PDB file of N, CA and C in Angstrom:
ATOM      1  N   MET A   1       0.823  -1.185   0.000  1.00  0.00           N
ATOM      2  CA  MET A   1       0.000   0.000   0.000  1.00  0.00           C
ATOM      3  C   MET A   1       0.872   1.255   0.000  1.00  0.00           C
ATOM      4  N   GLU A   2       2.033   1.177   0.638  1.00  0.00           N
ATOM      5  CA  GLU A   2       2.896   2.351   0.754  1.00  0.00           C
ATOM      6  C   GLU A   2       3.732   2.614  -0.496  1.00  0.00           C
ATOM      7  N   SER A   3       3.740   1.685  -1.424  1.00  0.00           N
ATOM      8  CA  SER A   3       4.607   1.848  -2.594  1.00  0.00           C
ATOM      9  C   SER A   3       4.088   2.883  -3.584  1.00  0.00           C
ATOM     10  N   GLU A   4       2.822   3.181  -3.519  1.00  0.00           N
ATOM     11  CA  GLU A   4       2.156   4.134  -4.410  1.00  0.00           C
ATOM     12  C   GLU A   4       2.155   3.677  -5.873  1.00  0.00           C
ATOM     13  N   LEU A   5       2.440   2.401  -6.093  1.00  0.00           N
ATOM     14  CA  LEU A   5       2.303   1.822  -7.431  1.00  0.00           C
ATOM     15  C   LEU A   5       0.882   1.284  -7.562  1.00  0.00           C
ATOM     16  N   PRO A   6       0.157   1.682  -8.586  1.00  0.00           N
ATOM     17  CA  PRO A   6      -1.242   1.259  -8.702  1.00  0.00           C
ATOM     18  C   PRO A   6      -1.413  -0.264  -8.728  1.00  0.00           C
ATOM     19  N   ALA A   7      -0.529  -0.969  -9.417  1.00  0.00           N
ATOM     20  CA  ALA A   7      -0.651  -2.430  -9.495  1.00  0.00           C
ATOM     21  C   ALA A   7      -0.410  -3.081  -8.138  1.00  0.00           C
ATOM     22  N   ALA A   8       0.579  -2.589  -7.395  1.00  0.00           N
ATOM     23  CA  ALA A   8       0.883  -3.142  -6.072  1.00  0.00           C
ATOM     24  C   ALA A   8      -0.245  -2.849  -5.086  1.00  0.00           C
ATOM     25  N   ILE A   9      -0.819  -1.663  -5.178  1.00  0.00           N
ATOM     26  CA  ILE A   9      -1.935  -1.307  -4.297  1.00  0.00           C
ATOM     27  C   ILE A   9      -3.137  -2.196  -4.579  1.00  0.00           C
ATOM     28  N   GLN A  10      -3.430  -2.418  -5.854  1.00  0.00           N
ATOM     29  CA  GLN A  10      -4.555  -3.279  -6.226  1.00  0.00           C
ATOM     30  C   GLN A  10      -4.320  -4.710  -5.732  1.00  0.00           C
ATOM     31  N   PHE A  11      -3.088  -5.200  -5.876  1.00  0.00           N
ATOM     32  CA  PHE A  11      -2.739  -6.540  -5.407  1.00  0.00           C
ATOM     33  C   PHE A  11      -2.906  -6.643  -3.885  1.00  0.00           C
ATOM     34  N   ALA A  12      -2.457  -5.643  -3.155  1.00  0.00           N
ATOM     35  CA  ALA A  12      -2.575  -5.642  -1.694  1.00  0.00           C
ATOM     36  C   ALA A  12      -4.036  -5.603  -1.264  1.00  0.00           C
ATOM     37  N   ARG A  13      -4.845  -4.854  -1.960  1.00  0.00           N
ATOM     38  CA  ARG A  13      -6.279  -4.795  -1.622  1.00  0.00           C
ATOM     39  C   ARG A  13      -6.945  -6.149  -1.837  1.00  0.00           C
ATOM     40  N   ARG A  14      -6.563  -6.837  -2.907  1.00  0.00           N
ATOM     41  CA  ARG A  14      -7.153  -8.151  -3.178  1.00  0.00           C
ATOM     42  C   ARG A  14      -6.723  -9.184  -2.139  1.00  0.00           C
ATOM     43  N   LEU A  15      -5.497  -9.057  -1.651  1.00  0.00           N
ATOM     44  CA  LEU A  15      -5.010 -10.001  -0.648  1.00  0.00           C
ATOM     45  C   LEU A  15      -5.593  -9.751   0.733  1.00  0.00           C
ATOM     46  N   ARG A  16      -6.100  -8.571   0.975  1.00  0.00           N
ATOM     47  CA  ARG A  16      -6.565  -8.199   2.313  1.00  0.00           C
ATOM     48  C   ARG A  16      -7.628  -9.164   2.841  1.00  0.00           C
ATOM     49  N   LYS A  17      -8.561  -9.616   2.008  1.00  0.00           N
ATOM     50  CA  LYS A  17      -9.602 -10.504   2.527  1.00  0.00           C
ATOM     51  C   LYS A  17      -9.091 -11.927   2.794  1.00  0.00           C
ATOM     52  N   TYR A  18      -7.917 -12.268   2.269  1.00  0.00           N
ATOM     53  CA  TYR A  18      -7.327 -13.579   2.514  1.00  0.00           C
ATOM     54  C   TYR A  18      -6.220 -13.521   3.566  1.00  0.00           C
ATOM     55  N   GLN A  19      -6.067 -12.397   4.218  1.00  0.00           N
ATOM     56  CA  GLN A  19      -4.962 -12.175   5.149  1.00  0.00           C
ATOM     57  C   GLN A  19      -4.942 -13.184   6.294  1.00  0.00           C
ATOM     58  N   ARG A  20      -6.086 -13.472   6.883  1.00  0.00           N
ATOM     59  CA  ARG A  20      -6.134 -14.419   8.001  1.00  0.00           C
ATOM     60  C   ARG A  20      -5.650 -15.797   7.591  1.00  0.00           C
ATOM     61  N   GLY A  21      -6.105 -16.266   6.450  1.00  0.00           N
ATOM     62  CA  GLY A  21      -5.708 -17.591   5.971  1.00  0.00           C
ATOM     63  C   GLY A  21      -4.239 -17.664   5.615  1.00  0.00           C
ATOM     64  N   ILE A  22      -3.723 -16.613   5.004  1.00  0.00           N
ATOM     65  CA  ILE A  22      -2.308 -16.585   4.636  1.00  0.00           C
ATOM     66  C   ILE A  22      -1.437 -16.602   5.885  1.00  0.00           C
ATOM     67  N   LEU A  23      -1.788 -15.793   6.852  1.00  0.00           N
ATOM     68  CA  LEU A  23      -1.015 -15.765   8.099  1.00  0.00           C
ATOM     69  C   LEU A  23      -1.113 -17.090   8.850  1.00  0.00           C
ATOM     70  N   ALA A  24      -2.313 -17.684   8.880  1.00  0.00           N
ATOM     71  CA  ALA A  24      -2.485 -18.963   9.576  1.00  0.00           C
ATOM     72  C   ALA A  24      -1.660 -20.062   8.920  1.00  0.00           C
ATOM     73  N   SER A  25      -1.571 -20.057   7.589  1.00  0.00           N
ATOM     74  CA  SER A  25      -0.808 -21.107   6.916  1.00  0.00           C
ATOM     75  C   SER A  25       0.693 -20.941   7.116  1.00  0.00           C
ATOM     76  N   THR A  26       1.153 -19.732   7.364  1.00  0.00           N
ATOM     77  CA  THR A  26       2.582 -19.555   7.630  1.00  0.00           C
ATOM     78  C   THR A  26       2.926 -19.842   9.085  1.00  0.00           C
ATOM     79  N   ILE A  27       2.000 -19.572   9.992  1.00  0.00           N
ATOM     80  CA  ILE A  27       2.259 -19.818  11.416  1.00  0.00           C
ATOM     81  C   ILE A  27       2.106 -21.299  11.744  1.00  0.00           C
ATOM     82  N   TYR A  28       1.085 -21.948  11.178  1.00  0.00           N
ATOM     83  CA  TYR A  28       0.791 -23.357  11.454  1.00  0.00           C
ATOM     84  C   TYR A  28       0.911 -24.168  10.171  1.00  0.00           C
ATOM     85  N   PRO A  29       2.127 -24.526   9.755  1.00  0.00           N
ATOM     86  CA  PRO A  29       2.268 -25.279   8.509  1.00  0.00           C
ATOM     87  C   PRO A  29       1.810 -26.728   8.693  1.00  0.00           C
ATOM     88  N   MET A  30       0.690 -27.073   8.134  1.00  0.00           N
ATOM     89  CA  MET A  30       0.151 -28.418   8.230  1.00  0.00           C
ATOM     90  C   MET A  30      -0.096 -28.939   6.822  1.00  0.00           C
ATOM     91  N   ASN A  31       0.112 -30.231   6.633  1.00  0.00           N
ATOM     92  CA  ASN A  31      -0.220 -30.835   5.362  1.00  0.00           C
ATOM     93  C   ASN A  31      -0.674 -32.266   5.594  1.00  0.00           C
ATOM     94  N   SER A  32      -1.147 -32.880   4.553  1.00  0.00           N
ATOM     95  CA  SER A  32      -1.668 -34.233   4.668  1.00  0.00           C
ATOM     96  C   SER A  32      -0.784 -35.234   3.932  1.00  0.00           C
ATOM     97  N   SER A  33       0.508 -34.953   3.829  1.00  0.00           N
ATOM     98  CA  SER A  33       1.393 -35.806   3.061  1.00  0.00           C
ATOM     99  C   SER A  33       1.520 -37.203   3.667  1.00  0.00           C
ATOM    100  N   ILE A  34       1.579 -37.318   4.982  1.00  0.00           N
ATOM    101  CA  ILE A  34       1.702 -38.629   5.617  1.00  0.00           C
ATOM    102  C   ILE A  34       0.447 -39.459   5.359  1.00  0.00           C
ATOM    103  N   LEU A  35      -0.707 -38.830   5.490  1.00  0.00           N
ATOM    104  CA  LEU A  35      -1.963 -39.532   5.249  1.00  0.00           C
ATOM    105  C   LEU A  35      -2.075 -39.962   3.794  1.00  0.00           C
ATOM    106  N   GLU A  36      -1.649 -39.120   2.869  1.00  0.00           N
ATOM    107  CA  GLU A  36      -1.680 -39.476   1.450  1.00  0.00           C
ATOM    108  C   GLU A  36      -0.770 -40.672   1.176  1.00  0.00           C
ATOM    109  N   GLY A  37       0.376 -40.714   1.836  1.00  0.00           N
ATOM    110  CA  GLY A  37       1.287 -41.842   1.668  1.00  0.00           C
ATOM    111  C   GLY A  37       0.688 -43.138   2.179  1.00  0.00           C
ATOM    112  N   VAL A  38       0.017 -43.068   3.313  1.00  0.00           N
ATOM    113  CA  VAL A  38      -0.640 -44.258   3.872  1.00  0.00           C
ATOM    114  C   VAL A  38      -1.737 -44.738   2.925  1.00  0.00           C
ATOM    115  N   ASN A  39      -2.547 -43.819   2.430  1.00  0.00           N
ATOM    116  CA  ASN A  39      -3.615 -44.201   1.507  1.00  0.00           C
ATOM    117  C   ASN A  39      -3.050 -44.841   0.246  1.00  0.00           C
ATOM    118  N   ASN A  40      -1.962 -44.282  -0.274  1.00  0.00           N
ATOM    119  CA  ASN A  40      -1.360 -44.830  -1.480  1.00  0.00           C
ATOM    120  C   ASN A  40      -0.831 -46.237  -1.232  1.00  0.00           C
ATOM    121  N   LYS A  41      -0.199 -46.456  -0.083  1.00  0.00           N
ATOM    122  CA  LYS A  41       0.343 -47.776   0.233  1.00  0.00           C
ATOM    123  C   LYS A  41      -0.775 -48.807   0.374  1.00  0.00           C
ATOM    124  N   ILE A  42      -1.894 -48.407   0.968  1.00  0.00           N
ATOM    125  CA  ILE A  42      -3.038 -49.315   1.096  1.00  0.00           C
ATOM    126  C   ILE A  42      -3.585 -49.664  -0.282  1.00  0.00           C
ATOM    127  N   LYS A  43      -3.637 -48.709  -1.190  1.00  0.00           N
ATOM    128  CA  LYS A  43      -4.114 -48.982  -2.550  1.00  0.00           C
ATOM    129  C   LYS A  43      -3.196 -49.958  -3.277  1.00  0.00           C
ATOM    130  N   VAL A  44      -1.893 -49.810  -3.054  1.00  0.00           N
ATOM    131  CA  VAL A  44      -0.940 -50.735  -3.681  1.00  0.00           C
ATOM    132  C   VAL A  44      -1.138 -52.143  -3.141  1.00  0.00           C
ATOM    133  N   ILE A  45      -1.303 -52.272  -1.833  1.00  0.00           N
ATOM    134  CA  ILE A  45      -1.547 -53.587  -1.224  1.00  0.00           C
ATOM    135  C   ILE A  45      -2.845 -54.170  -1.752  1.00  0.00           C
ATOM    136  N   LYS A  46      -3.841 -53.327  -1.918  1.00  0.00           N
ATOM    137  CA  LYS A  46      -5.138 -53.764  -2.426  1.00  0.00           C
ATOM    138  C   LYS A  46      -5.005 -54.370  -3.822  1.00  0.00           C
ATOM    139  N   ARG A  47      -4.170 -53.731  -4.662  1.00  0.00           N
ATOM    140  CA  ARG A  47      -3.937 -54.267  -6.001  1.00  0.00           C
ATOM    141  C   ARG A  47      -3.173 -55.584  -5.948  1.00  0.00           C
ATOM    142  N   MET A  48      -2.265 -55.705  -4.982  1.00  0.00           N
ATOM    143  CA  MET A  48      -1.466 -56.932  -4.876  1.00  0.00           C
ATOM    144  C   MET A  48      -2.308 -58.129  -4.437  1.00  0.00           C
ATOM    145  N   VAL A  49      -3.277 -57.917  -3.559  1.00  0.00           N
ATOM    146  CA  VAL A  49      -4.069 -59.036  -3.033  1.00  0.00           C
ATOM    147  C   VAL A  49      -5.380 -59.226  -3.790  1.00  0.00           C
ATOM    148  N   TYR A  50      -5.491 -58.586  -4.944  1.00  0.00           N
ATOM    149  CA  TYR A  50      -6.713 -58.734  -5.743  1.00  0.00           C
ATOM    150  C   TYR A  50      -6.911 -60.201  -6.108  1.00  0.00           C
ATOM    151  N   GLY A  51      -8.103 -60.697  -5.882  1.00  0.00           N
ATOM    152  CA  GLY A  51      -8.415 -62.077  -6.228  1.00  0.00           C
ATOM    153  C   GLY A  51      -8.430 -63.016  -5.036  1.00  0.00           C
ATOM    154  N   PHE A  52      -7.776 -62.647  -3.941  1.00  0.00           N
ATOM    155  CA  PHE A  52      -7.834 -63.490  -2.753  1.00  0.00           C
ATOM    156  C   PHE A  52      -9.203 -63.352  -2.118  1.00  0.00           C
ATOM    157  N   ARG A  53      -9.727 -64.461  -1.635  1.00  0.00           N
ATOM    158  CA  ARG A  53     -11.057 -64.430  -1.029  1.00  0.00           C
ATOM    159  C   ARG A  53     -11.020 -63.974   0.427  1.00  0.00           C
ATOM    160  N   ASP A  54      -9.925 -64.186   1.066  1.00  0.00           N
ATOM    161  CA  ASP A  54      -9.816 -63.945   2.500  1.00  0.00           C
ATOM    162  C   ASP A  54      -9.547 -62.469   2.778  1.00  0.00           C
ATOM    163  N   SER A  55     -10.530 -61.755   3.317  1.00  0.00           N
ATOM    164  CA  SER A  55     -10.342 -60.343   3.635  1.00  0.00           C
ATOM    165  C   SER A  55      -9.462 -60.164   4.872  1.00  0.00           C
ATOM    166  N   ALA A  56      -9.386 -61.182   5.715  1.00  0.00           N
ATOM    167  CA  ALA A  56      -8.525 -61.106   6.899  1.00  0.00           C
ATOM    168  C   ALA A  56      -7.062 -61.009   6.468  1.00  0.00           C
ATOM    169  N   TYR A  57      -6.707 -61.690   5.372  1.00  0.00           N
ATOM    170  CA  TYR A  57      -5.342 -61.618   4.846  1.00  0.00           C
ATOM    171  C   TYR A  57      -5.007 -60.193   4.409  1.00  0.00           C
ATOM    172  N   PHE A  58      -5.976 -59.528   3.797  1.00  0.00           N
ATOM    173  CA  PHE A  58      -5.793 -58.140   3.361  1.00  0.00           C
ATOM    174  C   PHE A  58      -5.477 -57.242   4.551  1.00  0.00           C
ATOM    175  N   PHE A  59      -6.222 -57.385   5.626  1.00  0.00           N
ATOM    176  CA  PHE A  59      -5.992 -56.559   6.804  1.00  0.00           C
ATOM    177  C   PHE A  59      -4.683 -56.910   7.502  1.00  0.00           C
ATOM    178  N   LEU A  60      -4.285 -58.187   7.432  1.00  0.00           N
ATOM    179  CA  LEU A  60      -2.988 -58.570   7.985  1.00  0.00           C
ATOM    180  C   LEU A  60      -1.850 -57.932   7.186  1.00  0.00           C
ATOM    181  N   LYS A  61      -2.002 -57.851   5.877  1.00  0.00           N
ATOM    182  CA  LYS A  61      -0.988 -57.212   5.039  1.00  0.00           C
ATOM    183  C   LYS A  61      -0.875 -55.723   5.375  1.00  0.00           C
ATOM    184  N   ILE A  62      -2.012 -55.070   5.613  1.00  0.00           N
ATOM    185  CA  ILE A  62      -2.002 -53.647   5.970  1.00  0.00           C
ATOM    186  C   ILE A  62      -1.327 -53.453   7.323  1.00  0.00           C
ATOM    187  N   LYS A  63      -1.665 -54.308   8.292  1.00  0.00           N
ATOM    188  CA  LYS A  63      -1.048 -54.200   9.615  1.00  0.00           C
ATOM    189  C   LYS A  63       0.451 -54.447   9.544  1.00  0.00           C
ATOM    190  N   ALA A  64       0.879 -55.355   8.677  1.00  0.00           N
ATOM    191  CA  ALA A  64       2.307 -55.629   8.536  1.00  0.00           C
ATOM    192  C   ALA A  64       3.035 -54.478   7.862  1.00  0.00           C
ATOM    193  N   ALA A  65       2.339 -53.747   6.996  1.00  0.00           N
ATOM    194  CA  ALA A  65       2.956 -52.631   6.291  1.00  0.00           C
ATOM    195  C   ALA A  65       3.167 -51.415   7.197  1.00  0.00           C
ATOM    196  N   PHE A  66       2.365 -51.312   8.242  1.00  0.00           N
ATOM    197  CA  PHE A  66       2.451 -50.167   9.148  1.00  0.00           C
ATOM    198  C   PHE A  66       2.662 -50.640  10.581  1.00  0.00           C
ATOM    199  N   PRO A  67       3.875 -51.105  10.891  1.00  0.00           N
ATOM    200  CA  PRO A  67       4.106 -51.559  12.264  1.00  0.00           C
ATOM    201  C   PRO A  67       4.118 -50.361  13.214  1.00  0.00           C
ATOM    202  N   GLY A  68       3.447 -50.522  14.286  1.00  0.00           N
ATOM    203  CA  GLY A  68       3.380 -49.441  15.271  1.00  0.00           C
ATOM    204  C   GLY A  68       2.953 -50.037  16.593  1.00  0.00           C
ATOM    205  N   LYS A  69       2.200 -49.282  17.329  1.00  0.00           N
ATOM    206  CA  LYS A  69       1.702 -49.768  18.611  1.00  0.00           C
ATOM    207  C   LYS A  69       0.672 -50.870  18.382  1.00  0.00           C
ATOM    208  N   ALA A  70       0.819 -51.948  19.124  1.00  0.00           N
ATOM    209  CA  ALA A  70      -0.177 -53.019  19.062  1.00  0.00           C
ATOM    210  C   ALA A  70      -1.377 -52.611  19.890  1.00  0.00           C
ATOM    211  N   ARG A  71      -2.538 -52.867  19.361  1.00  0.00           N
ATOM    212  CA  ARG A  71      -3.753 -52.492  20.086  1.00  0.00           C
ATOM    213  C   ARG A  71      -4.364 -53.666  20.757  1.00  0.00           C
TER     214      ARG A  71
END
């Protein structure tokens, strides 16, 4: 706004209504990359076990792919 360039002023005015979202995304950087990776891996396993009748085997393959805390 202080530059007194008409194009820069117009750009700043347009950004004003998105200011909260822009600031929030810089302060709290969050993404869903880990979740996307998990979903992709499950889809790959799903393609690998296509044709097997046993759905329990499918879930065992998923559990083996993501070792973590036992429930």
